[in-house]
């Protein structure tokens, strides 16, 4: 017998057992994921007609923790290239398109504001959005709080009205001569 082959035919203790266990775990996990995908169930709320088909359009929203950032970032460039203004109604979100408008609602006091996504963030992984100081002030958010994020269409008349209502009023020093 060749000395180079000595020991190669012997099984390594526990290796075969580990191989079987890995294969069974893999098969089990594949089977479970396939069964979830293959047989989705649709549950209806009580009093809802089960014959109604669900809409093909799904409304997206996100609920999570929000925080705010302000003075330490004032004037620095944001992800879309503009300078950060802590007094503007803007926010930072990880995935929403830059320039998109969203409605953020403070779930504690039900105040809401329309803000524009102009930056990426937030840094902490447990948060879903970072608001500018002004946006947090409008929402009554001091520190960290729970919010709901809803996208809005630029053609939405409610958005236009809300944006006009959020504009600062002109100063009373302006007078009109009769």
C-alpha atoms as a PDB file:
ATOM      1  CA  UNK A   1       0.000   0.000   0.000  1.00  0.00           C
ATOM      2  CA  UNK A   2       1.244   3.433  -0.874  1.00  0.00           C
ATOM      3  CA  UNK A   3       2.082   5.604   2.154  1.00  0.00           C
ATOM      4  CA  UNK A   4       0.558   8.653   0.519  1.00  0.00           C
ATOM      5  CA  UNK A   5      -2.925   7.039   0.532  1.00  0.00           C
ATOM      6  CA  UNK A   6      -2.780   5.914   4.156  1.00  0.00           C
ATOM      7  CA  UNK A   7      -5.496   7.638   6.152  1.00  0.00           C
ATOM      8  CA  UNK A   8      -7.419   8.896   3.144  1.00  0.00           C
ATOM      9  CA  UNK A   9      -9.851   6.018   3.213  1.00  0.00           C
ATOM     10  CA  UNK A  10     -10.672   6.518   6.850  1.00  0.00           C
ATOM     11  CA  UNK A  11     -13.747   8.573   7.608  1.00  0.00           C
ATOM     12  CA  UNK A  12     -13.322  11.667   9.695  1.00  0.00           C
ATOM     13  CA  UNK A  13     -15.436  11.278  12.834  1.00  0.00           C
ATOM     14  CA  UNK A  14     -18.557  13.463  12.733  1.00  0.00           C
ATOM     15  CA  UNK A  15     -18.048  14.643   9.160  1.00  0.00           C
ATOM     16  CA  UNK A  16     -20.620  12.291   7.648  1.00  0.00           C
ATOM     17  CA  UNK A  17     -23.137  13.140  10.348  1.00  0.00           C
ATOM     18  CA  UNK A  18     -22.633  16.853   9.723  1.00  0.00           C
ATOM     19  CA  UNK A  19     -23.155  16.377   5.988  1.00  0.00           C
ATOM     20  CA  UNK A  20     -26.473  14.603   6.529  1.00  0.00           C
ATOM     21  CA  UNK A  21     -27.617  17.212   8.997  1.00  0.00           C
ATOM     22  CA  UNK A  22     -26.736  20.074   6.648  1.00  0.00           C
ATOM     23  CA  UNK A  23     -28.572  18.443   3.760  1.00  0.00           C
ATOM     24  CA  UNK A  24     -31.687  17.822   5.850  1.00  0.00           C
ATOM     25  CA  UNK A  25     -31.691  21.378   7.202  1.00  0.00           C
ATOM     26  CA  UNK A  26     -31.296  22.718   3.662  1.00  0.00           C
ATOM     27  CA  UNK A  27     -34.092  20.512   2.320  1.00  0.00           C
ATOM     28  CA  UNK A  28     -36.357  21.455   5.199  1.00  0.00           C
ATOM     29  CA  UNK A  29     -35.749  25.174   4.741  1.00  0.00           C
ATOM     30  CA  UNK A  30     -36.290  24.933   0.982  1.00  0.00           C
ATOM     31  CA  UNK A  31     -39.464  22.944   1.507  1.00  0.00           C
ATOM     32  CA  UNK A  32     -40.840  25.479   3.977  1.00  0.00           C
ATOM     33  CA  UNK A  33     -40.086  28.454   1.788  1.00  0.00           C
ATOM     34  CA  UNK A  34     -41.538  26.721  -1.267  1.00  0.00           C
ATOM     35  CA  UNK A  35     -44.719  25.844   0.594  1.00  0.00           C
ATOM     36  CA  UNK A  36     -45.183  29.431   1.713  1.00  0.00           C
ATOM     37  CA  UNK A  37     -44.777  30.691  -1.837  1.00  0.00           C
ATOM     38  CA  UNK A  38     -46.802  27.914  -3.441  1.00  0.00           C
ATOM     39  CA  UNK A  39     -49.896  28.234  -1.287  1.00  0.00           C
ATOM     40  CA  UNK A  40     -50.615  31.796  -0.208  1.00  0.00           C
ATOM     41  CA  UNK A  41     -53.812  32.262   1.749  1.00  0.00           C
ATOM     42  CA  UNK A  42     -56.018  35.302   1.596  1.00  0.00           C
ATOM     43  CA  UNK A  43     -57.896  36.078   4.769  1.00  0.00           C
ATOM     44  CA  UNK A  44     -60.848  38.434   4.757  1.00  0.00           C
ATOM     45  CA  UNK A  45     -61.950  40.608   7.596  1.00  0.00           C
ATOM     46  CA  UNK A  46     -65.323  39.836   9.139  1.00  0.00           C
ATOM     47  CA  UNK A  47     -68.112  41.453   7.172  1.00  0.00           C
ATOM     48  CA  UNK A  48     -66.048  41.760   3.976  1.00  0.00           C
ATOM     49  CA  UNK A  49     -67.317  39.988   0.884  1.00  0.00           C
ATOM     50  CA  UNK A  50     -64.853  37.150   0.106  1.00  0.00           C
ATOM     51  CA  UNK A  51     -65.706  37.355  -3.608  1.00  0.00           C
ATOM     52  CA  UNK A  52     -64.113  40.799  -3.883  1.00  0.00           C
ATOM     53  CA  UNK A  53     -60.741  40.611  -5.582  1.00  0.00           C
ATOM     54  CA  UNK A  54     -57.870  42.507  -4.014  1.00  0.00           C
ATOM     55  CA  UNK A  55     -56.688  45.591  -5.863  1.00  0.00           C
ATOM     56  CA  UNK A  56     -53.585  45.176  -7.985  1.00  0.00           C
ATOM     57  CA  UNK A  57     -52.261  48.479  -6.622  1.00  0.00           C
ATOM     58  CA  UNK A  58     -50.931  48.230  -3.114  1.00  0.00           C
ATOM     59  CA  UNK A  59     -50.558  51.303  -0.992  1.00  0.00           C
ATOM     60  CA  UNK A  60     -47.066  51.630   0.455  1.00  0.00           C
ATOM     61  CA  UNK A  61     -46.469  53.064   3.878  1.00  0.00           C
ATOM     62  CA  UNK A  62     -43.845  52.673   6.562  1.00  0.00           C
ATOM     63  CA  UNK A  63     -44.063  52.885  10.335  1.00  0.00           C
ATOM     64  CA  UNK A  64     -40.999  53.275  12.489  1.00  0.00           C
ATOM     65  CA  UNK A  65     -38.861  55.509  14.635  1.00  0.00           C
ATOM     66  CA  UNK A  66     -37.920  58.997  13.500  1.00  0.00           C
ATOM     67  CA  UNK A  67     -35.285  61.371  14.739  1.00  0.00           C
ATOM     68  CA  UNK A  68     -34.162  64.819  13.637  1.00  0.00           C
ATOM     69  CA  UNK A  69     -30.942  66.573  12.783  1.00  0.00           C
ATOM     70  CA  UNK A  70     -30.171  70.244  12.735  1.00  0.00           C
ATOM     71  CA  UNK A  71     -27.446  72.679  13.665  1.00  0.00           C
ATOM     72  CA  UNK A  72     -24.423  70.361  13.343  1.00  0.00           C
ATOM     73  CA  UNK A  73     -25.334  69.623   9.692  1.00  0.00           C
ATOM     74  CA  UNK A  74     -26.400  73.160   8.733  1.00  0.00           C
ATOM     75  CA  UNK A  75     -24.914  74.147   5.355  1.00  0.00           C
ATOM     76  CA  UNK A  76     -23.352  70.759   4.596  1.00  0.00           C
ATOM     77  CA  UNK A  77     -24.129  69.083   1.289  1.00  0.00           C
ATOM     78  CA  UNK A  78     -26.950  66.542   1.231  1.00  0.00           C
ATOM     79  CA  UNK A  79     -27.131  63.450  -0.970  1.00  0.00           C
ATOM     80  CA  UNK A  80     -28.883  65.351  -3.769  1.00  0.00           C
ATOM     81  CA  UNK A  81     -26.186  68.050  -3.787  1.00  0.00           C
ATOM     82  CA  UNK A  82     -28.053  70.919  -2.156  1.00  0.00           C
ATOM     83  CA  UNK A  83     -27.018  72.509   1.116  1.00  0.00           C
ATOM     84  CA  UNK A  84     -28.832  71.287   4.210  1.00  0.00           C
ATOM     85  CA  UNK A  85     -31.192  73.849   5.686  1.00  0.00           C
ATOM     86  CA  UNK A  86     -32.481  72.873   9.102  1.00  0.00           C
ATOM     87  CA  UNK A  87     -35.369  75.337   8.675  1.00  0.00           C
ATOM     88  CA  UNK A  88     -36.677  73.666   5.494  1.00  0.00           C
ATOM     89  CA  UNK A  89     -39.167  70.809   5.510  1.00  0.00           C
ATOM     90  CA  UNK A  90     -36.825  68.045   4.350  1.00  0.00           C
ATOM     91  CA  UNK A  91     -35.749  64.600   5.481  1.00  0.00           C
ATOM     92  CA  UNK A  92     -33.273  61.784   5.026  1.00  0.00           C
ATOM     93  CA  UNK A  93     -34.494  58.297   4.062  1.00  0.00           C
ATOM     94  CA  UNK A  94     -32.515  55.207   3.062  1.00  0.00           C
ATOM     95  CA  UNK A  95     -34.466  54.060   0.002  1.00  0.00           C
ATOM     96  CA  UNK A  96     -37.079  56.573  -1.140  1.00  0.00           C
ATOM     97  CA  UNK A  97     -36.137  58.459  -4.332  1.00  0.00           C
ATOM     98  CA  UNK A  98     -34.401  61.784  -3.799  1.00  0.00           C
ATOM     99  CA  UNK A  99     -36.760  64.661  -4.524  1.00  0.00           C
ATOM    100  CA  UNK A 100     -39.904  62.694  -3.697  1.00  0.00           C
ATOM    101  CA  UNK A 101     -42.550  64.114  -1.377  1.00  0.00           C
ATOM    102  CA  UNK A 102     -43.858  62.190   1.615  1.00  0.00           C
ATOM    103  CA  UNK A 103     -46.332  62.800   4.384  1.00  0.00           C
ATOM    104  CA  UNK A 104     -44.938  62.088   7.846  1.00  0.00           C
ATOM    105  CA  UNK A 105     -47.389  61.688  10.722  1.00  0.00           C
ATOM    106  CA  UNK A 106     -46.398  61.667  14.385  1.00  0.00           C
ATOM    107  CA  UNK A 107     -48.326  58.709  15.800  1.00  0.00           C
ATOM    108  CA  UNK A 108     -48.377  60.132  19.320  1.00  0.00           C
ATOM    109  CA  UNK A 109     -50.141  63.426  18.582  1.00  0.00           C
ATOM    110  CA  UNK A 110     -51.408  62.814  14.993  1.00  0.00           C
ATOM    111  CA  UNK A 111     -49.674  65.937  13.616  1.00  0.00           C
ATOM    112  CA  UNK A 112     -48.442  65.583  10.057  1.00  0.00           C
ATOM    113  CA  UNK A 113     -46.222  67.461   7.626  1.00  0.00           C
ATOM    114  CA  UNK A 114     -45.279  67.140   3.971  1.00  0.00           C
ATOM    115  CA  UNK A 115     -41.517  66.884   3.539  1.00  0.00           C
ATOM    116  CA  UNK A 116     -39.155  66.359   0.617  1.00  0.00           C
ATOM    117  CA  UNK A 117     -36.516  63.607   0.619  1.00  0.00           C
ATOM    118  CA  UNK A 118     -33.170  65.243  -0.097  1.00  0.00           C
ATOM    119  CA  UNK A 119     -30.680  63.141   1.858  1.00  0.00           C
ATOM    120  CA  UNK A 120     -29.761  59.579   2.761  1.00  0.00           C
ATOM    121  CA  UNK A 121     -29.938  58.272   6.280  1.00  0.00           C
ATOM    122  CA  UNK A 122     -30.592  57.911   9.137  1.00  0.00           C
ATOM    123  CA  UNK A 123     -27.422  56.526  10.674  1.00  0.00           C
ATOM    124  CA  UNK A 124     -28.916  54.371  13.469  1.00  0.00           C
ATOM    125  CA  UNK A 125     -30.396  51.152  12.058  1.00  0.00           C
ATOM    126  CA  UNK A 126     -33.416  51.245  14.379  1.00  0.00           C
ATOM    127  CA  UNK A 127     -34.697  54.461  12.741  1.00  0.00           C
ATOM    128  CA  UNK A 128     -36.507  54.808   9.405  1.00  0.00           C
ATOM    129  CA  UNK A 129     -36.233  58.558   8.830  1.00  0.00           C
ATOM    130  CA  UNK A 130     -34.260  61.624   9.913  1.00  0.00           C
ATOM    131  CA  UNK A 131     -36.243  64.859   9.792  1.00  0.00           C
ATOM    132  CA  UNK A 132     -34.925  68.390   9.557  1.00  0.00           C
ATOM    133  CA  UNK A 133     -35.336  70.497  12.685  1.00  0.00           C
ATOM    134  CA  UNK A 134     -38.269  72.386  11.106  1.00  0.00           C
ATOM    135  CA  UNK A 135     -40.100  69.183  10.147  1.00  0.00           C
ATOM    136  CA  UNK A 136     -39.614  67.744  13.636  1.00  0.00           C
ATOM    137  CA  UNK A 137     -40.895  71.009  15.128  1.00  0.00           C
ATOM    138  CA  UNK A 138     -44.059  70.934  12.968  1.00  0.00           C
ATOM    139  CA  UNK A 139     -44.673  67.324  14.057  1.00  0.00           C
ATOM    140  CA  UNK A 140     -44.034  68.096  17.717  1.00  0.00           C
ATOM    141  CA  UNK A 141     -41.245  65.521  17.733  1.00  0.00           C
ATOM    142  CA  UNK A 142     -38.702  66.017  20.505  1.00  0.00           C
ATOM    143  CA  UNK A 143     -35.913  63.451  20.275  1.00  0.00           C
ATOM    144  CA  UNK A 144     -37.077  60.118  18.856  1.00  0.00           C
ATOM    145  CA  UNK A 145     -40.700  59.202  18.141  1.00  0.00           C
ATOM    146  CA  UNK A 146     -42.895  56.822  16.171  1.00  0.00           C
ATOM    147  CA  UNK A 147     -44.107  58.044  12.779  1.00  0.00           C
ATOM    148  CA  UNK A 148     -45.988  56.840   9.726  1.00  0.00           C
ATOM    149  CA  UNK A 149     -44.584  57.661   6.281  1.00  0.00           C
ATOM    150  CA  UNK A 150     -46.903  57.868   3.264  1.00  0.00           C
ATOM    151  CA  UNK A 151     -45.850  58.809  -0.285  1.00  0.00           C
ATOM    152  CA  UNK A 152     -47.767  61.589  -2.029  1.00  0.00           C
ATOM    153  CA  UNK A 153     -48.198  62.423  -5.682  1.00  0.00           C
ATOM    154  CA  UNK A 154     -47.028  65.817  -6.958  1.00  0.00           C
ATOM    155  CA  UNK A 155     -50.433  66.124  -8.685  1.00  0.00           C
ATOM    156  CA  UNK A 156     -52.307  65.658  -5.419  1.00  0.00           C
ATOM    157  CA  UNK A 157     -54.474  68.731  -4.654  1.00  0.00           C
ATOM    158  CA  UNK A 158     -54.286  68.022  -0.907  1.00  0.00           C
ATOM    159  CA  UNK A 159     -50.494  68.182  -1.145  1.00  0.00           C
ATOM    160  CA  UNK A 160     -50.608  71.540  -2.933  1.00  0.00           C
ATOM    161  CA  UNK A 161     -52.989  72.972  -0.340  1.00  0.00           C
ATOM    162  CA  UNK A 162     -50.915  71.638   2.560  1.00  0.00           C
ATOM    163  CA  UNK A 163     -47.705  73.036   1.074  1.00  0.00           C
ATOM    164  CA  UNK A 164     -49.282  76.459   0.698  1.00  0.00           C
ATOM    165  CA  UNK A 165     -50.524  76.272   4.300  1.00  0.00           C
ATOM    166  CA  UNK A 166     -46.995  75.426   5.475  1.00  0.00           C
ATOM    167  CA  UNK A 167     -45.507  78.542   3.850  1.00  0.00           C
ATOM    168  CA  UNK A 168     -44.651  81.345   6.263  1.00  0.00           C
ATOM    169  CA  UNK A 169     -47.066  84.243   6.211  1.00  0.00           C
ATOM    170  CA  UNK A 170     -45.767  87.528   4.755  1.00  0.00           C
ATOM    171  CA  UNK A 171     -44.722  90.124   7.277  1.00  0.00           C
ATOM    172  CA  UNK A 172     -47.305  92.705   8.310  1.00  0.00           C
ATOM    173  CA  UNK A 173     -44.969  95.550   7.286  1.00  0.00           C
ATOM    174  CA  UNK A 174     -46.296  95.274   3.756  1.00  0.00           C
ATOM    175  CA  UNK A 175     -49.084  97.776   3.213  1.00  0.00           C
ATOM    176  CA  UNK A 176     -51.243  98.439   0.233  1.00  0.00           C
ATOM    177  CA  UNK A 177     -52.009 102.055  -0.644  1.00  0.00           C
ATOM    178  CA  UNK A 178     -55.637 102.689  -1.637  1.00  0.00           C
END
